[in-house]
Protein backbone atom coordinates (compact mmCIF):
# COMPACT_ATOMS: atom_id res chain seq x y z
CA MET A 1 168.05 112.74 57.88
CA ARG A 2 169.22 110.83 54.79
CA VAL A 3 172.77 109.53 55.03
CA GLY A 4 175.02 108.18 52.29
CA LEU A 5 177.54 105.69 53.69
CA LEU A 6 180.69 104.59 51.84
CA GLU A 7 181.91 101.49 53.66
CA ASP A 8 183.23 98.23 52.20
CA GLU A 9 183.43 96.26 55.45
CA GLN A 10 180.04 94.64 55.91
CA ASP A 11 180.17 94.38 59.70
CA HIS A 12 180.94 98.08 60.10
CA ALA A 13 178.26 98.98 57.55
CA VAL A 14 175.60 96.92 59.33
CA THR A 15 176.47 98.45 62.70
CA THR A 16 176.36 102.00 61.35
CA VAL A 17 173.10 101.48 59.47
CA ARG A 18 171.46 99.94 62.53
CA ALA A 19 172.47 102.90 64.70
CA LEU A 20 171.08 105.36 62.17
CA GLN A 21 167.82 103.50 61.62
CA GLU A 22 167.20 103.11 65.34
CA ALA A 23 167.51 106.89 65.62
CA GLY A 24 164.93 107.36 62.85
CA HIS A 25 167.31 108.15 60.00
CA SER A 26 167.65 106.46 56.61
CA CYS A 27 170.91 105.25 55.09
CA GLU A 28 172.14 103.94 51.74
CA VAL A 29 175.35 101.91 51.72
CA TYR A 30 177.99 101.75 48.97
CA ALA A 31 181.11 99.59 48.97
CA GLN A 32 183.05 101.20 46.10
CA GLY A 33 184.14 104.79 45.63
CA GLU A 34 183.32 105.05 41.92
CA ARG A 35 179.82 103.70 42.41
CA PHE A 36 179.32 106.04 45.35
CA LEU A 37 180.38 109.07 43.30
CA ARG A 38 178.02 108.09 40.47
CA SER A 39 175.17 107.55 42.88
CA ILE A 40 175.37 110.96 44.54
CA LEU A 41 174.81 112.57 41.17
CA HIS A 42 171.33 111.04 41.30
CA GLU A 43 170.64 110.60 45.00
CA THR A 44 170.53 113.43 47.49
CA TYR A 45 171.73 113.08 51.08
CA ASP A 46 171.91 115.38 54.08
CA VAL A 47 175.27 114.00 55.27
CA LEU A 48 177.91 111.64 53.85
CA ILE A 49 180.04 109.18 55.84
CA LEU A 50 183.27 108.06 54.17
CA ASP A 51 185.68 105.25 54.92
CA TRP A 52 189.33 105.75 53.99
CA ALA A 53 190.50 102.40 52.60
CA LEU A 54 188.30 101.14 49.75
CA PRO A 55 188.69 98.45 47.08
CA ASP A 56 188.96 100.84 44.13
CA MET A 57 190.16 104.18 45.54
CA THR A 58 190.71 106.07 48.78
CA GLY A 59 188.30 108.16 50.79
CA LEU A 60 190.58 111.12 50.15
CA GLN A 61 190.11 110.72 46.40
CA VAL A 62 186.36 110.49 46.93
CA ILE A 63 186.12 113.71 48.92
CA GLU A 64 188.41 115.49 46.45
CA ALA A 65 185.99 114.56 43.66
CA ILE A 66 183.02 115.75 45.73
CA ARG A 67 184.60 119.12 46.52
CA GLN A 68 185.77 119.60 42.92
CA ARG A 69 182.09 119.53 41.98
CA HIS A 70 181.64 122.43 44.42
CA ASP A 71 179.34 120.21 46.46
CA THR A 72 179.17 121.55 50.01
CA ILE A 73 177.35 118.57 51.54
CA PRO A 74 178.70 117.78 55.05
CA VAL A 75 181.19 114.89 55.12
CA LEU A 76 182.23 112.81 58.14
CA PHE A 77 185.22 110.49 57.85
CA LEU A 78 184.72 107.23 59.77
CA THR A 79 187.87 105.15 59.51
CA SER A 80 190.49 103.07 61.31
CA TYR A 81 193.20 105.57 60.31
CA ASP A 82 193.82 107.39 63.55
CA THR A 83 197.06 109.38 63.42
CA GLU A 84 197.10 113.16 63.70
CA GLU A 85 198.52 113.31 60.18
CA ASP A 86 195.59 111.29 58.83
CA ILE A 87 193.04 113.54 60.51
CA VAL A 88 194.73 116.74 59.32
CA GLN A 89 194.96 115.36 55.78
CA ALA A 90 191.26 114.45 55.63
CA LEU A 91 190.17 117.81 57.05
CA GLY A 92 192.48 119.55 54.60
CA LYS A 93 190.77 117.79 51.69
CA GLY A 94 187.39 119.10 52.80
CA ALA A 95 186.05 116.74 55.47
CA ASP A 96 183.89 118.45 58.08
CA ASP A 97 184.49 115.98 60.90
CA TYR A 98 186.45 112.81 61.70
CA LEU A 99 185.78 109.73 63.85
CA VAL A 100 187.87 106.63 64.44
CA LYS A 101 186.31 103.16 64.24
CA PRO A 102 184.55 101.77 66.09
CA PRO A 103 182.55 104.87 66.98
CA ARG A 104 180.40 105.19 70.06
CA LYS A 105 176.82 105.18 68.83
CA ALA A 106 175.73 108.29 70.71
CA GLU A 107 178.78 110.26 69.58
CA LEU A 108 178.31 109.25 65.94
CA LEU A 109 174.68 110.36 65.99
CA ALA A 110 175.53 113.59 67.80
CA ARG A 111 178.23 114.53 65.30
CA LEU A 112 175.98 113.80 62.31
CA THR A 113 173.17 115.81 63.85
CA ALA A 114 175.55 118.70 64.50
CA LEU A 115 176.71 118.70 60.87
CA LYS A 116 173.12 118.70 59.63
CA ARG A 117 172.13 121.42 62.11
CA ARG A 118 175.00 123.62 60.96
CA VAL A 119 173.71 123.49 57.39
CA ASP A 120 170.11 124.04 58.49
CA GLN A 121 171.04 127.09 60.53
CA ARG A 122 172.87 128.65 57.59
CA GLU A 123 169.89 128.10 55.33
CA ALA A 124 167.10 128.84 57.80
CA THR A 125 167.16 132.62 57.45
CA ALA A 126 169.11 133.17 54.24
CA VAL A 127 167.03 134.78 51.50
CA LEU A 128 167.54 132.87 48.26
CA SER A 129 167.66 134.93 45.08
CA VAL A 130 167.34 133.03 41.81
CA PRO A 131 166.21 135.63 39.26
CA PRO A 132 163.42 136.36 38.70
CA TYR A 133 162.48 134.56 41.95
CA VAL A 134 163.27 135.52 45.54
CA LEU A 135 162.52 132.97 48.26
CA ASP A 136 162.31 134.08 51.90
CA PRO A 137 162.45 131.14 54.35
CA VAL A 138 161.57 133.30 57.36
CA ASN A 139 158.25 134.44 55.89
CA SER A 140 157.72 131.36 53.68
CA SER A 141 157.15 133.66 50.73
CA VAL A 142 158.13 133.76 47.08
CA GLN A 143 158.45 136.96 45.09
CA LEU A 144 158.29 136.85 41.30
CA GLN A 145 159.45 140.10 39.74
CA GLY A 146 158.43 141.91 42.92
CA GLN A 147 155.00 140.29 43.19
CA THR A 148 154.12 137.75 45.88
CA VAL A 149 153.20 134.29 44.62
CA GLU A 150 150.56 132.58 46.72
CA LEU A 151 151.81 129.13 47.74
CA THR A 152 150.73 126.63 50.38
CA VAL A 153 153.23 125.70 53.09
CA ARG A 154 154.10 122.43 51.36
CA GLN A 155 154.44 124.09 47.97
CA PHE A 156 156.83 126.65 49.43
CA GLN A 157 158.91 123.98 51.17
CA LEU A 158 159.10 122.01 47.94
CA ALA A 159 160.11 125.12 45.99
CA LEU A 160 162.81 125.91 48.56
CA VAL A 161 164.33 122.42 48.31
CA LEU A 162 164.34 122.57 44.51
CA PHE A 163 165.81 126.07 44.29
CA ARG A 164 168.51 125.18 46.82
CA ASN A 165 169.51 122.24 44.62
CA ILE A 166 169.43 123.67 41.09
CA GLY A 167 170.67 121.15 38.55
CA LYS A 168 170.61 118.24 40.99
CA LEU A 169 168.39 115.24 40.41
CA LEU A 170 166.43 114.88 43.65
CA SER A 171 164.95 111.46 44.30
CA ARG A 172 161.33 110.99 45.29
CA ALA A 173 162.46 109.56 48.61
CA TYR A 174 164.55 112.64 49.38
CA LEU A 175 161.80 115.09 48.43
CA LEU A 176 159.16 113.23 50.41
CA GLU A 177 161.39 113.16 53.48
CA ALA A 178 162.55 116.76 53.14
CA VAL A 179 159.06 118.21 52.65
CA TRP A 180 156.69 115.81 54.39
CA GLY A 181 158.95 114.12 56.94
CA LEU A 182 160.07 110.54 57.48
CA SER A 183 157.16 109.42 59.61
CA THR A 184 154.47 110.60 57.19
CA LYS A 185 152.90 107.84 55.12
CA ILE A 186 152.22 109.55 51.84
CA GLN A 187 151.55 108.39 48.31
CA THR A 188 154.10 109.48 45.71
CA ARG A 189 151.22 110.80 43.59
CA THR A 190 150.97 113.64 46.11
CA LEU A 191 154.48 114.70 45.17
CA ASP A 192 153.57 114.67 41.47
CA ILE A 193 150.54 116.85 42.14
CA HIS A 194 152.56 119.36 44.15
CA ILE A 195 155.19 119.53 41.40
CA SER A 196 152.51 120.22 38.82
CA GLN A 197 150.96 122.92 40.99
CA LEU A 198 154.36 124.51 41.55
CA ARG A 199 155.13 124.63 37.82
CA SER A 200 151.86 126.48 37.29
CA ALA A 201 152.05 128.80 40.31
CA LEU A 202 155.60 129.94 39.51
CA ASP A 203 154.98 130.01 35.75
CA LEU A 204 158.42 128.49 35.36
CA PRO A 205 158.82 128.06 31.57
CA ALA A 206 157.76 131.65 30.93
CA HIS A 207 160.61 132.80 33.18
CA GLY A 208 163.37 130.55 31.92
CA TRP A 209 163.07 127.56 34.25
CA ARG A 210 161.68 124.04 34.22
CA ILE A 211 161.23 121.10 36.55
CA THR A 212 162.28 117.97 34.68
CA SER A 213 160.79 114.62 35.64
CA VAL A 214 163.06 111.58 35.50
CA TYR A 215 160.95 108.44 35.27
CA ALA A 216 160.93 106.27 38.40
CA HIS A 217 163.46 108.49 40.10
CA GLY A 218 162.60 112.10 40.83
CA TYR A 219 162.79 115.72 39.71
CA ARG A 220 165.38 118.33 38.78
CA LEU A 221 165.02 122.12 38.60
CA GLU A 222 167.11 123.58 35.80
CA PRO A 223 167.31 126.61 33.51
CA LEU A 224 165.72 126.21 30.10
CA SER A 225 168.92 127.34 28.39
């Protein structure tokens, strides 16, 4: 799982990153709210961890900005603020869970895994309709105007990630992890080849869609209009 961590206290950041990495997860750390908000427009994470007190703004302002974008990514507050009022306020702003520093390592990992699993379970069987395409995760199939498009397993998984994140710039690192898995050593050229094959197999431009390449960063699926 890819985690975005907003934490300005270096000791807490180091401890959290170490716990995540030891469990096989990856984590990017940001110390300022504004920079964090800019970064998640370009980077894609499975879960976000937010501190409350930051140098430039509060964690509450950060999550408000995230939810105003209609971004449903799971958010865990990890902070020293521990009153009932604080917890209720954070949850009311759109946080999915709340932990008080310092967290117990096993509990932190369990809560993050639970948040990710909740999202995965919602998406695992939900048919995704993006006219003229219909993607069925259960059968790993894509229908284009009622006709089945023949895709490999990896091509389908890549298509599913892109269509679930329309308009978002997905980094190479995120796509490689989401489709091929963290432990797989794979050249980024493989991703480029699969993107090219997907453009052709789905005949995207002819049906009003395109996959845009952003140099040295990643790809974005977006409507031509």
